[in-house]
Amino acid sequence: MAIRSETYRAVLRQYGLRPRHIEQWGKAAKVYTDSGLFALKPLESEQEAAAIWQSLHYYGRHCPPLYVTRQRSLFAAEGGRLYYLQAWREDEAGSRETAVRPFFRELARLHRMTVRTVQASEEEIDAYQKQKKDEWQRARAVWEERVERYETAWYMSPFQLQCCTYFHEVMRAYWFAEEQLAAWEEAVKETKQWRIVWVHGKARLSHYVAPYWISWERAHWNSPVYDLVSIFRNHVRTISPLEREWFDGLAEYETELPLSAAERAFLYSHLAEPCGFVRCLERYEAVSHKERNEREHVAALLRCYMAFKNMEAVVMHLVQRDAAQPQDETAGSETPAEEDGSG
């Protein structure tokens, strides 16, 4: 920590700042100075710096301003790494519970500012569909091999018993994901078009500090669905049970940027994909029988399962919503930008 603190002080000197106290908050440092409170964050690569620069270009006033160094640079270089400096921002106390709907609505408004339609060839569509199906087939094969072996044991361990218990639910989820992927393939081949936006890349509630979005290091061009999948995957893993606002989040998003039938099928397919289970199985198998801590492995598997059930509830809510209120097949056509993102 002393070495890191000295590095931070060297970086801060480039901004003309003398810190009184520095606290580590994840990857960022919270810096107390006589001039105010600042957030100093290191970057892993020049690509991350480019992502932040482009985000400022596209979304301007929706991104917190960066302070410039004495050399008028947006990024400070020290010890072979780049850093950027912003004012430290925190949510008002108690605002987290009421921020979900604005979070989805404001994300859609960001996406709408950069939305564009690109051509999608049948070769590209087929390649992606094959890639996902092969990936899921490999995951299913791991499950099937493990469960067949566990069921032949005279006595199953607690972890093995839980795997066998969850097996059929997980297989049904893969079947549903493939069904939705096929629906996406059919829909997008019909139009041969796909929408992309400048996505945040790591969209989550903690990165929305109204009216700003922070942590743009992973921003890039992708489908708007990319951010939506990231949001739900992160949230179901960290918080349980889900509040009603999270079930209605997509509806709030679509008040600003309706999804097409292809985008909706793509979203459901990737939300339904069971995540984390294979990693749990492989970690369990990688440890010798004598060194296994059954309690730890069962706890990890249970966390995966709880996230899986939370996501299942989200997907079923969305599917039932669509069944009750059929969507216009033309929804999700290219929407012109209504705001200037240059800030």
Protein backbone atom coordinates (compact mmCIF):
# COMPACT_ATOMS: atom_id res chain seq x y z
CA MET A 1 0.00 0.00 0.00
CA ALA A 2 2.91 2.35 0.74
CA ILE A 3 4.29 1.81 -2.77
CA ARG A 4 0.88 2.43 -4.30
CA SER A 5 0.43 5.57 -2.18
CA GLU A 6 3.75 6.97 -3.39
CA THR A 7 2.74 6.28 -6.99
CA TYR A 8 -0.56 8.06 -6.44
CA ARG A 9 1.24 11.06 -4.95
CA ALA A 10 3.52 11.22 -7.98
CA VAL A 11 0.48 11.17 -10.28
CA LEU A 12 -1.34 13.82 -8.25
CA ARG A 13 1.66 16.15 -8.49
CA GLN A 14 1.01 16.22 -12.24
CA TYR A 15 -2.33 17.84 -11.39
CA GLY A 16 -0.82 20.22 -8.86
CA LEU A 17 -2.50 18.42 -5.95
CA ARG A 18 -1.09 17.47 -2.56
CA PRO A 19 -3.20 14.74 -0.91
CA ARG A 20 -3.94 14.81 2.82
CA HIS A 21 -5.32 11.26 2.83
CA ILE A 22 -5.82 8.48 0.26
CA GLU A 23 -8.25 5.56 0.55
CA GLN A 24 -8.46 2.58 -1.81
CA TRP A 25 -11.97 1.91 -3.16
CA GLY A 26 -11.74 -1.06 -5.49
CA LYS A 27 -9.60 0.01 -8.43
CA ALA A 28 -10.06 3.70 -7.69
CA ALA A 29 -8.42 5.84 -5.02
CA LYS A 30 -10.43 8.34 -3.00
CA VAL A 31 -8.19 11.37 -2.56
CA TYR A 32 -8.70 13.99 0.14
CA THR A 33 -7.04 17.36 -0.56
CA ASP A 34 -7.40 20.96 0.51
CA SER A 35 -8.90 21.60 -2.93
CA GLY A 36 -11.64 19.00 -2.57
CA LEU A 37 -12.37 15.28 -2.90
CA PHE A 38 -11.18 13.43 -6.00
CA ALA A 39 -11.31 10.00 -7.64
CA LEU A 40 -8.05 8.78 -9.16
CA LYS A 41 -8.21 5.64 -11.27
CA PRO A 42 -5.53 3.65 -13.12
CA LEU A 43 -6.07 2.25 -16.60
CA GLU A 44 -4.97 -1.16 -17.82
CA SER A 45 -4.20 -0.14 -21.39
CA GLU A 46 -4.26 2.62 -23.97
CA GLN A 47 -7.40 0.94 -25.34
CA GLU A 48 -9.21 1.82 -22.10
CA ALA A 49 -8.03 5.42 -22.41
CA ALA A 50 -9.36 5.52 -25.98
CA ALA A 51 -12.71 4.12 -24.77
CA ILE A 52 -13.01 6.91 -22.18
CA TRP A 53 -12.02 9.55 -24.71
CA GLN A 54 -14.62 8.32 -27.21
CA SER A 55 -17.28 8.15 -24.48
CA LEU A 56 -16.64 11.79 -23.66
CA HIS A 57 -17.01 12.55 -27.37
CA TYR A 58 -20.28 10.65 -27.80
CA TYR A 59 -21.93 11.28 -24.45
CA GLY A 60 -20.27 14.51 -23.32
CA ARG A 61 -22.39 15.97 -20.54
CA HIS A 62 -23.49 12.51 -19.36
CA CYS A 63 -19.90 11.68 -18.34
CA PRO A 64 -18.16 13.32 -15.37
CA PRO A 65 -15.56 15.84 -16.58
CA LEU A 66 -11.91 14.80 -16.41
CA TYR A 67 -9.34 17.09 -14.88
CA VAL A 68 -6.37 17.85 -17.10
CA THR A 69 -2.75 17.68 -15.97
CA ARG A 70 -0.45 20.68 -15.93
CA GLN A 71 0.61 19.55 -19.41
CA ARG A 72 -3.07 19.84 -20.53
CA SER A 73 -3.47 16.08 -20.92
CA LEU A 74 -6.59 14.09 -19.98
CA PHE A 75 -4.40 11.25 -18.72
CA ALA A 76 -1.37 11.20 -16.45
CA ALA A 77 1.42 8.69 -17.08
CA GLU A 78 3.38 7.18 -14.20
CA GLY A 79 5.28 3.92 -13.86
CA GLY A 80 4.16 2.66 -17.26
CA ARG A 81 0.44 3.19 -16.54
CA LEU A 82 -2.12 5.84 -17.37
CA TYR A 83 -4.39 7.49 -14.79
CA TYR A 84 -7.37 9.83 -14.91
CA LEU A 85 -8.79 12.19 -12.30
CA GLN A 86 -12.39 13.19 -11.61
CA ALA A 87 -14.36 14.75 -8.78
CA TRP A 88 -15.45 12.10 -6.28
CA ARG A 89 -19.18 11.48 -6.61
CA GLU A 90 -21.52 9.57 -4.35
CA ASP A 91 -25.23 8.86 -4.42
CA GLU A 92 -27.40 10.63 -1.93
CA ALA A 93 -28.28 8.45 1.06
CA GLY A 94 -31.19 6.14 0.37
CA SER A 95 -31.34 6.90 -3.36
CA ARG A 96 -30.26 3.41 -4.48
CA GLU A 97 -33.70 1.88 -3.93
CA THR A 98 -35.42 4.48 -6.14
CA ALA A 99 -32.77 4.65 -8.89
CA VAL A 100 -33.61 1.47 -10.83
CA ARG A 101 -36.22 2.94 -13.18
CA PRO A 102 -34.20 6.12 -13.95
CA PHE A 103 -31.16 3.89 -14.44
CA PHE A 104 -32.83 1.89 -17.23
CA ARG A 105 -34.48 4.95 -18.73
CA GLU A 106 -31.25 6.96 -18.86
CA LEU A 107 -29.32 4.02 -20.31
CA ALA A 108 -31.85 3.85 -23.14
CA ARG A 109 -31.45 7.57 -23.77
CA LEU A 110 -27.70 7.13 -24.01
CA HIS A 111 -28.09 4.26 -26.45
CA ARG A 112 -30.56 6.25 -28.53
CA MET A 113 -27.97 9.01 -29.02
CA THR A 114 -25.57 6.72 -30.88
CA VAL A 115 -27.85 4.06 -32.36
CA ARG A 116 -27.11 3.07 -35.93
CA THR A 117 -28.18 0.23 -38.20
CA VAL A 118 -25.59 -2.01 -39.85
CA GLN A 119 -25.90 -4.78 -42.39
CA ALA A 120 -25.67 -8.35 -41.11
CA SER A 121 -24.67 -11.01 -43.60
CA GLU A 122 -25.94 -14.58 -43.39
CA GLU A 123 -22.35 -15.74 -42.94
CA GLU A 124 -21.91 -13.55 -39.85
CA ILE A 125 -25.23 -14.67 -38.41
CA ASP A 126 -24.47 -18.34 -39.00
CA ALA A 127 -20.99 -17.99 -37.52
CA TYR A 128 -22.28 -16.43 -34.31
CA GLN A 129 -25.10 -18.92 -33.95
CA LYS A 130 -22.67 -21.82 -34.41
CA GLN A 131 -20.22 -20.32 -31.92
CA LYS A 132 -22.88 -20.05 -29.19
CA LYS A 133 -24.37 -23.48 -29.87
CA ASP A 134 -20.91 -25.08 -29.75
CA GLU A 135 -20.15 -23.26 -26.50
CA TRP A 136 -23.40 -24.46 -24.93
CA GLN A 137 -22.89 -27.99 -26.23
CA ARG A 138 -19.49 -28.16 -24.56
CA ALA A 139 -21.01 -26.94 -21.29
CA ARG A 140 -23.82 -29.51 -21.48
CA ALA A 141 -21.27 -32.25 -22.17
CA VAL A 142 -19.41 -31.31 -18.98
CA TRP A 143 -22.64 -31.49 -16.99
CA GLU A 144 -23.71 -34.81 -18.51
CA GLU A 145 -20.33 -36.47 -17.96
CA ARG A 146 -20.16 -35.32 -14.33
CA VAL A 147 -23.72 -36.27 -13.47
CA GLU A 148 -23.43 -39.72 -15.07
CA ARG A 149 -20.31 -40.34 -13.03
CA TYR A 150 -21.76 -38.97 -9.79
CA GLU A 151 -24.91 -41.11 -10.12
CA THR A 152 -22.86 -44.31 -10.32
CA ALA A 153 -21.15 -43.58 -7.00
CA TRP A 154 -22.17 -45.68 -3.99
CA TYR A 155 -22.28 -42.51 -1.91
CA MET A 156 -22.55 -39.01 -3.42
CA SER A 157 -20.90 -36.09 -1.67
CA PRO A 158 -23.11 -33.05 -0.84
CA PHE A 159 -21.71 -31.19 -3.86
CA GLN A 160 -22.33 -34.11 -6.21
CA LEU A 161 -25.89 -34.53 -4.91
CA GLN A 162 -26.62 -30.84 -5.57
CA CYS A 163 -25.26 -31.13 -9.11
CA CYS A 164 -27.59 -34.03 -9.83
CA THR A 165 -30.50 -32.13 -8.28
CA TYR A 166 -29.96 -29.07 -10.49
CA PHE A 167 -29.13 -30.97 -13.68
CA HIS A 168 -32.55 -31.08 -15.37
CA GLU A 169 -33.31 -27.43 -14.61
CA VAL A 170 -30.01 -26.38 -16.16
CA MET A 171 -30.62 -28.52 -19.25
CA ARG A 172 -34.05 -26.92 -19.73
CA ALA A 173 -32.44 -23.49 -19.55
CA TYR A 174 -29.99 -24.42 -22.31
CA TRP A 175 -32.89 -25.70 -24.41
CA PHE A 176 -34.79 -22.42 -23.95
CA ALA A 177 -31.65 -20.39 -24.76
CA GLU A 178 -31.15 -22.31 -28.01
CA GLU A 179 -34.81 -21.89 -28.90
CA GLN A 180 -34.54 -18.13 -28.48
CA LEU A 181 -31.24 -18.04 -30.39
CA ALA A 182 -32.97 -19.79 -33.30
CA ALA A 183 -35.76 -17.18 -33.17
CA TRP A 184 -33.12 -14.44 -33.27
CA GLU A 185 -31.42 -16.07 -36.25
CA GLU A 186 -34.66 -16.31 -38.18
CA ALA A 187 -35.67 -12.71 -37.41
CA VAL A 188 -32.34 -11.10 -38.24
CA LYS A 189 -31.89 -13.13 -41.43
CA GLU A 190 -35.22 -11.76 -42.59
CA THR A 191 -34.11 -8.12 -42.27
CA LYS A 192 -30.34 -8.64 -42.63
CA GLN A 193 -29.95 -5.66 -40.31
CA TRP A 194 -28.72 -5.23 -36.77
CA ARG A 195 -28.50 -2.20 -34.49
CA ILE A 196 -25.38 -1.15 -32.65
CA VAL A 197 -24.72 1.60 -30.11
CA TRP A 198 -21.77 2.85 -28.10
CA VAL A 199 -22.34 0.60 -25.08
CA HIS A 200 -21.04 1.32 -21.59
CA GLY A 201 -19.44 -2.13 -21.46
CA LYS A 202 -19.86 -2.57 -17.71
CA ALA A 203 -23.31 -1.16 -17.10
CA ARG A 204 -24.50 -1.58 -13.53
CA LEU A 205 -26.41 0.46 -11.00
CA SER A 206 -23.25 1.45 -9.09
CA HIS A 207 -21.91 3.11 -12.24
CA TYR A 208 -24.90 5.42 -12.54
CA VAL A 209 -24.45 8.41 -10.24
CA ALA A 210 -27.16 10.74 -11.51
CA PRO A 211 -26.86 12.59 -13.76
CA TYR A 212 -23.56 10.95 -14.71
CA TRP A 213 -22.32 7.53 -15.83
CA ILE A 214 -18.87 6.59 -14.57
CA SER A 215 -16.24 3.93 -15.40
CA TRP A 216 -16.25 3.93 -19.21
CA GLU A 217 -13.09 1.86 -19.62
CA ARG A 218 -14.86 -1.00 -21.42
CA ALA A 219 -17.06 1.07 -23.73
CA HIS A 220 -17.24 -0.08 -27.35
CA TRP A 221 -19.62 -0.55 -30.28
CA ASN A 222 -22.05 -3.42 -29.76
CA SER A 223 -25.72 -4.30 -29.66
CA PRO A 224 -27.67 -2.41 -26.95
CA VAL A 225 -28.55 -5.87 -25.67
CA TYR A 226 -24.93 -6.21 -24.50
CA ASP A 227 -25.46 -3.66 -21.73
CA LEU A 228 -28.83 -5.12 -20.75
CA VAL A 229 -27.39 -8.62 -20.35
CA SER A 230 -24.48 -7.21 -18.33
CA ILE A 231 -26.88 -5.38 -16.01
CA PHE A 232 -29.02 -8.39 -15.18
CA ARG A 233 -26.13 -10.85 -14.89
CA ASN A 234 -24.37 -8.60 -12.42
CA HIS A 235 -27.46 -7.83 -10.38
CA VAL A 236 -28.84 -11.36 -9.98
CA ARG A 237 -25.42 -12.46 -8.76
CA THR A 238 -25.11 -9.82 -6.09
CA ILE A 239 -28.58 -9.15 -4.71
CA SER A 240 -31.44 -11.46 -3.74
CA PRO A 241 -34.37 -11.37 -3.89
CA LEU A 242 -35.08 -9.10 -6.84
CA GLU A 243 -37.27 -6.06 -6.30
CA ARG A 244 -40.24 -5.40 -8.58
CA GLU A 245 -38.37 -2.51 -10.26
CA TRP A 246 -35.88 -4.97 -11.74
CA PHE A 247 -38.62 -7.01 -13.37
CA ASP A 248 -39.99 -3.84 -14.94
CA GLY A 249 -36.57 -2.49 -15.90
CA LEU A 250 -36.76 -3.55 -19.55
CA ALA A 251 -40.20 -1.96 -19.94
CA GLU A 252 -38.73 1.28 -18.62
CA TYR A 253 -35.85 0.97 -21.10
CA GLU A 254 -38.24 0.39 -23.98
CA THR A 255 -40.18 3.57 -23.25
CA GLU A 256 -37.14 5.30 -24.75
CA LEU A 257 -35.71 2.69 -27.13
CA PRO A 258 -38.03 -0.19 -28.07
CA LEU A 259 -36.29 -3.45 -28.93
CA SER A 260 -36.99 -5.32 -32.14
CA ALA A 261 -38.24 -8.91 -32.14
CA ALA A 262 -34.71 -10.08 -33.03
CA GLU A 263 -33.13 -8.07 -30.22
CA ARG A 264 -35.66 -9.37 -27.72
CA ALA A 265 -35.00 -13.00 -28.69
CA PHE A 266 -31.26 -12.36 -28.52
CA LEU A 267 -31.66 -10.84 -25.05
CA TYR A 268 -33.74 -13.73 -23.70
CA SER A 269 -31.33 -16.27 -25.14
CA HIS A 270 -28.32 -14.74 -23.39
CA LEU A 271 -30.15 -14.07 -20.13
CA ALA A 272 -31.35 -17.68 -19.97
CA GLU A 273 -27.85 -19.10 -20.53
CA PRO A 274 -26.81 -20.78 -17.23
CA CYS A 275 -23.64 -19.03 -16.10
CA GLY A 276 -21.03 -20.06 -13.57
CA PHE A 277 -22.03 -23.69 -13.08
CA VAL A 278 -19.35 -25.27 -15.26
CA ARG A 279 -16.70 -23.20 -13.50
CA CYS A 280 -17.96 -24.57 -10.17
CA LEU A 281 -17.81 -28.14 -11.47
CA GLU A 282 -14.31 -27.72 -12.86
CA ARG A 283 -12.99 -26.15 -9.66
CA TYR A 284 -14.43 -29.02 -7.66
CA GLU A 285 -12.83 -31.62 -9.91
CA ALA A 286 -9.49 -29.80 -9.92
CA VAL A 287 -9.03 -30.34 -6.16
CA SER A 288 -8.06 -33.73 -4.80
CA HIS A 289 -10.58 -35.57 -2.63
CA LYS A 290 -8.50 -35.09 0.51
CA GLU A 291 -8.13 -31.35 -0.02
CA ARG A 292 -11.75 -30.59 -0.93
CA ASN A 293 -13.75 -28.33 1.34
CA GLU A 294 -17.27 -29.58 0.59
CA ARG A 295 -18.88 -26.70 2.40
CA GLU A 296 -17.10 -24.09 0.29
CA HIS A 297 -17.87 -25.87 -2.98
CA VAL A 298 -21.53 -26.38 -2.07
CA ALA A 299 -21.81 -22.71 -1.08
CA ALA A 300 -20.34 -21.62 -4.45
CA LEU A 301 -22.70 -23.93 -6.32
CA LEU A 302 -25.67 -22.61 -4.32
CA ARG A 303 -24.73 -19.02 -5.17
CA CYS A 304 -24.76 -19.96 -8.86
CA TYR A 305 -28.12 -21.62 -8.45
CA MET A 306 -29.69 -18.65 -6.65
CA ALA A 307 -28.46 -16.30 -9.39
CA PHE A 308 -29.80 -18.77 -11.95
CA LYS A 309 -33.26 -18.78 -10.31
CA ASN A 310 -33.29 -14.99 -10.07
CA MET A 311 -32.51 -14.78 -13.78
CA GLU A 312 -35.14 -17.40 -14.56
CA ALA A 313 -37.72 -15.23 -12.79
CA VAL A 314 -36.68 -12.21 -14.87
CA VAL A 315 -36.87 -14.12 -18.16
CA MET A 316 -40.23 -15.69 -17.35
CA HIS A 317 -41.62 -12.28 -16.40
CA LEU A 318 -40.47 -10.86 -19.75
CA VAL A 319 -41.81 -13.79 -21.76
CA GLN A 320 -45.19 -13.63 -20.01
CA ARG A 321 -45.29 -9.89 -20.56
CA ASP A 322 -44.71 -10.38 -24.28
CA ALA A 323 -47.41 -13.05 -24.44
CA ALA A 324 -49.91 -10.75 -22.74
CA GLN A 325 -49.00 -7.72 -24.84
CA PRO A 326 -47.84 -8.72 -28.33
CA GLN A 327 -45.19 -6.34 -29.63
CA ASP A 328 -45.33 -4.54 -32.96
CA GLU A 329 -43.03 -6.37 -35.34
CA THR A 330 -41.72 -3.02 -36.59
CA ALA A 331 -40.60 -1.88 -33.14
CA GLY A 332 -36.92 -1.25 -32.84
CA SER A 333 -36.32 0.24 -36.25
CA GLU A 334 -33.54 2.76 -36.39
CA THR A 335 -34.29 5.75 -34.17
CA PRO A 336 -32.57 9.04 -35.00
CA ALA A 337 -30.46 10.58 -32.27
CA GLU A 338 -32.34 13.28 -30.40
CA GLU A 339 -29.48 14.68 -28.37
CA ASP A 340 -26.03 15.94 -29.14
CA GLY A 341 -23.56 13.73 -27.34
CA SER A 342 -20.61 16.02 -27.85
CA GLY A 343 -21.36 17.67 -24.50
